[in-house]
Amino acid sequence: MSEGFDWPALMRGGLHGLGLTPDVFWSLTPAELRLMLGSETSKAPMLSAGLEALMAAYPDIKKDKNDE
């Protein structure tokens, strides 16, 4: 990830928009803050087609008969 965080915007959103206290704001993870702010840039969940594609690309390899 080459881009940094826009701290002034995040602080405005958290402290002023959500009314968080500084200690609560700084204890949040970026994912928690993004969820609270309702970020529209979050990725869509993986659907079964995506999981099937990953399973086909990276199949489980059984090393011996006990790996079932």
N, C-alpha and C. Protein backbone atom coordinates (compact mmCIF):
# COMPACT_ATOMS: atom_id res chain seq x y z
N MET A 1 0.85 -1.17 0.00
CA MET A 1 0.00 0.00 0.00
C MET A 1 0.89 1.22 0.00
N SER A 2 0.89 1.98 -1.05
CA SER A 2 1.79 3.12 -1.16
C SER A 2 1.16 4.41 -0.66
N GLU A 3 -0.15 4.48 -0.58
CA GLU A 3 -0.76 5.72 -0.12
C GLU A 3 -0.82 5.75 1.39
N GLY A 4 -0.74 6.96 1.95
CA GLY A 4 -0.81 7.10 3.40
C GLY A 4 -2.22 7.42 3.84
N PHE A 5 -2.39 7.56 5.13
CA PHE A 5 -3.68 7.92 5.70
C PHE A 5 -3.85 9.43 5.65
N ASP A 6 -5.05 9.88 5.40
CA ASP A 6 -5.39 11.31 5.46
C ASP A 6 -5.81 11.59 6.90
N TRP A 7 -4.79 11.77 7.78
CA TRP A 7 -5.07 11.91 9.21
C TRP A 7 -6.00 13.07 9.54
N PRO A 8 -5.83 14.26 8.94
CA PRO A 8 -6.76 15.34 9.26
C PRO A 8 -8.22 14.97 8.96
N ALA A 9 -8.47 14.33 7.83
CA ALA A 9 -9.84 13.94 7.49
C ALA A 9 -10.35 12.84 8.42
N LEU A 10 -9.48 11.88 8.75
CA LEU A 10 -9.90 10.82 9.67
C LEU A 10 -10.20 11.36 11.06
N MET A 11 -9.37 12.30 11.52
CA MET A 11 -9.60 12.90 12.83
C MET A 11 -10.88 13.73 12.85
N ARG A 12 -11.13 14.48 11.78
CA ARG A 12 -12.39 15.24 11.70
C ARG A 12 -13.58 14.29 11.73
N GLY A 13 -13.50 13.23 10.96
CA GLY A 13 -14.60 12.27 10.92
C GLY A 13 -14.81 11.58 12.26
N GLY A 14 -13.73 11.19 12.90
CA GLY A 14 -13.84 10.47 14.17
C GLY A 14 -14.17 11.37 15.35
N LEU A 15 -13.42 12.47 15.49
CA LEU A 15 -13.60 13.34 16.65
C LEU A 15 -14.81 14.24 16.53
N HIS A 16 -15.01 14.82 15.35
CA HIS A 16 -16.13 15.75 15.19
C HIS A 16 -17.37 15.05 14.64
N GLY A 17 -17.20 14.25 13.60
CA GLY A 17 -18.35 13.60 12.99
C GLY A 17 -18.99 12.54 13.88
N LEU A 18 -18.17 11.69 14.47
CA LEU A 18 -18.69 10.61 15.32
C LEU A 18 -18.73 11.00 16.79
N GLY A 19 -18.05 12.09 17.15
CA GLY A 19 -18.04 12.53 18.54
C GLY A 19 -17.19 11.66 19.45
N LEU A 20 -16.18 10.99 18.89
CA LEU A 20 -15.31 10.15 19.70
C LEU A 20 -14.37 11.00 20.54
N THR A 21 -14.02 10.50 21.70
CA THR A 21 -12.99 11.16 22.50
C THR A 21 -11.63 10.74 21.92
N PRO A 22 -10.59 11.55 22.15
CA PRO A 22 -9.28 11.20 21.59
C PRO A 22 -8.79 9.81 21.97
N ASP A 23 -9.00 9.40 23.23
CA ASP A 23 -8.51 8.08 23.63
C ASP A 23 -9.24 6.96 22.89
N VAL A 24 -10.52 7.13 22.64
CA VAL A 24 -11.27 6.12 21.89
C VAL A 24 -10.83 6.14 20.43
N PHE A 25 -10.68 7.34 19.86
CA PHE A 25 -10.25 7.45 18.46
C PHE A 25 -8.93 6.74 18.25
N TRP A 26 -7.94 7.01 19.10
CA TRP A 26 -6.60 6.44 18.90
C TRP A 26 -6.53 4.96 19.26
N SER A 27 -7.53 4.43 19.95
CA SER A 27 -7.52 2.99 20.26
C SER A 27 -8.14 2.15 19.15
N LEU A 28 -8.80 2.80 18.18
CA LEU A 28 -9.42 2.07 17.07
C LEU A 28 -8.39 1.63 16.04
N THR A 29 -8.65 0.51 15.42
CA THR A 29 -7.85 0.10 14.26
C THR A 29 -8.38 0.83 13.04
N PRO A 30 -7.59 0.96 11.98
CA PRO A 30 -8.12 1.59 10.76
C PRO A 30 -9.39 0.91 10.24
N ALA A 31 -9.46 -0.41 10.35
CA ALA A 31 -10.66 -1.13 9.89
C ALA A 31 -11.88 -0.77 10.72
N GLU A 32 -11.71 -0.65 12.03
CA GLU A 32 -12.83 -0.26 12.90
C GLU A 32 -13.30 1.15 12.59
N LEU A 33 -12.37 2.07 12.41
CA LEU A 33 -12.73 3.45 12.09
C LEU A 33 -13.44 3.52 10.74
N ARG A 34 -12.93 2.80 9.77
CA ARG A 34 -13.55 2.78 8.44
C ARG A 34 -14.98 2.26 8.53
N LEU A 35 -15.20 1.22 9.33
CA LEU A 35 -16.53 0.66 9.51
C LEU A 35 -17.46 1.68 10.17
N MET A 36 -16.97 2.37 11.19
CA MET A 36 -17.79 3.36 11.88
C MET A 36 -18.12 4.55 10.99
N LEU A 37 -17.19 4.93 10.13
CA LEU A 37 -17.42 6.06 9.23
C LEU A 37 -18.26 5.67 8.03
N GLY A 38 -18.47 4.38 7.82
CA GLY A 38 -19.27 3.93 6.69
C GLY A 38 -18.57 4.13 5.37
N SER A 39 -17.27 3.86 5.34
CA SER A 39 -16.48 4.06 4.13
C SER A 39 -17.05 3.28 2.96
N GLU A 40 -17.20 3.95 1.85
CA GLU A 40 -17.71 3.32 0.64
C GLU A 40 -16.60 2.67 -0.17
N THR A 41 -15.36 2.81 0.27
CA THR A 41 -14.24 2.27 -0.49
C THR A 41 -13.87 0.85 -0.06
N SER A 42 -14.66 0.28 0.86
CA SER A 42 -14.33 -1.07 1.29
C SER A 42 -14.61 -2.06 0.17
N LYS A 43 -13.91 -3.16 0.21
CA LYS A 43 -14.04 -4.19 -0.82
C LYS A 43 -15.30 -5.02 -0.57
N ALA A 44 -15.87 -5.49 -1.64
CA ALA A 44 -17.03 -6.37 -1.54
C ALA A 44 -16.58 -7.73 -1.00
N PRO A 45 -17.46 -8.43 -0.31
CA PRO A 45 -17.08 -9.74 0.20
C PRO A 45 -16.83 -10.73 -0.93
N MET A 46 -15.98 -11.70 -0.65
CA MET A 46 -15.69 -12.73 -1.65
C MET A 46 -16.91 -13.63 -1.80
N LEU A 47 -17.33 -13.84 -3.00
CA LEU A 47 -18.45 -14.73 -3.27
C LEU A 47 -17.93 -16.13 -3.55
N SER A 48 -18.83 -17.09 -3.65
CA SER A 48 -18.40 -18.48 -3.83
C SER A 48 -17.59 -18.68 -5.10
N ALA A 49 -17.88 -17.90 -6.16
CA ALA A 49 -17.10 -18.03 -7.39
C ALA A 49 -15.64 -17.64 -7.15
N GLY A 50 -15.43 -16.61 -6.36
CA GLY A 50 -14.07 -16.19 -6.03
C GLY A 50 -13.34 -17.24 -5.21
N LEU A 51 -14.06 -17.83 -4.26
CA LEU A 51 -13.46 -18.89 -3.44
C LEU A 51 -13.13 -20.11 -4.30
N GLU A 52 -14.03 -20.47 -5.19
CA GLU A 52 -13.78 -21.61 -6.07
C GLU A 52 -12.56 -21.36 -6.97
N ALA A 53 -12.40 -20.13 -7.44
CA ALA A 53 -11.24 -19.80 -8.27
C ALA A 53 -9.95 -19.92 -7.47
N LEU A 54 -9.96 -19.47 -6.22
CA LEU A 54 -8.78 -19.60 -5.37
C LEU A 54 -8.48 -21.07 -5.07
N MET A 55 -9.51 -21.85 -4.81
CA MET A 55 -9.31 -23.27 -4.52
C MET A 55 -8.75 -24.00 -5.74
N ALA A 56 -9.18 -23.60 -6.93
CA ALA A 56 -8.66 -24.22 -8.15
C ALA A 56 -7.20 -23.82 -8.39
N ALA A 57 -6.89 -22.57 -8.09
CA ALA A 57 -5.53 -22.07 -8.31
C ALA A 57 -4.55 -22.61 -7.27
N TYR A 58 -5.03 -22.82 -6.04
CA TYR A 58 -4.16 -23.26 -4.94
C TYR A 58 -4.80 -24.46 -4.23
N PRO A 59 -4.81 -25.62 -4.87
CA PRO A 59 -5.46 -26.79 -4.25
C PRO A 59 -4.67 -27.29 -3.04
N ASP A 60 -5.41 -27.87 -2.11
CA ASP A 60 -4.76 -28.51 -0.97
C ASP A 60 -3.98 -29.72 -1.47
N ILE A 61 -2.78 -29.89 -0.97
CA ILE A 61 -1.95 -31.02 -1.37
C ILE A 61 -1.83 -31.95 -0.18
N LYS A 62 -2.31 -33.15 -0.34
CA LYS A 62 -2.22 -34.14 0.73
C LYS A 62 -0.84 -34.76 0.72
N LYS A 63 -0.20 -34.76 1.88
CA LYS A 63 1.16 -35.30 1.98
C LYS A 63 1.14 -36.80 2.20
N ASP A 64 0.15 -37.28 2.94
CA ASP A 64 0.02 -38.72 3.13
C ASP A 64 -1.44 -39.04 3.44
N LYS A 65 -1.74 -40.29 3.69
CA LYS A 65 -3.13 -40.70 3.86
C LYS A 65 -3.76 -40.13 5.13
N ASN A 66 -2.97 -39.65 6.09
CA ASN A 66 -3.50 -39.09 7.34
C ASN A 66 -3.92 -37.63 7.20
N ASP A 67 -3.70 -37.01 6.05
CA ASP A 67 -4.03 -35.60 5.85
C ASP A 67 -5.47 -35.38 5.38
N GLU A 68 -6.29 -36.37 5.43
CA GLU A 68 -7.65 -36.24 4.91
C GLU A 68 -8.53 -35.42 5.79
